[in-house]
Amino acid sequence: MEIKVKAPAKINLTLEVLGKRPDGYHNISTVMQAVDLFDVITLTDNDSGRVTISCNYEGVPCDDSNICAKAAYRFFDFCKMDVKGVHIDINKTIPTQAGLAGGSSDGAAVIMGLNAMFSTMLKPDEMCAIGEKVGADVPFCIEGGTKLCTGKARRSKSFRPSAARISSSASPTP
């Protein structure tokens, strides 16, 4: 079976860094918006019993350190399934290291694609629980839309962007 999933980029319409957490992340308050720039993730099942990765973009790791592999292993663990053979092909168009959540969105697409491939019927909140263990932006990338995200970007609240006052400011940190 082969499943293709679009993995949209996101932008931060606002971003306020509120301080560093003991776990190394920062507490933030941000408005995130999914945009119409996306990678395409193709999942293909096989009999290997392994997760393998390929990517059209040089420099993206194609081993277990890739966020897509991490998402797949977390998915199988959450579902209490033995690791199934799956090949993950990443067709990147989102620039890497650009703050657009390209990797996080790819990981989210893997979770959603495996949910469909293996008919596990996970609800969005369950997929987000898996995503939280993979990366801070992954839960947002599973839900998409426009959201106010706080803390480590885990807590989110939907709102209509037309009703929001969007502003941008920068201040030096001591």
Foldseek 3Di string as FASTA:
>chain_A
DKDKDWQFWKDWLEKDFDQADPVGFTWIKTKIATDDFTKMKMKDFDQPLAEFEEEPDPPQDTDCVQLLNLLQVLLCVLLVHRRTGMYIYIYDPDDPPPNRCHSLSNSLRSNVRVCVVVVVPDDLVSSLVSSVVRALCNSCSNVHGIWTATTSSSDTDDDDPVPDDGDYDDDDDD
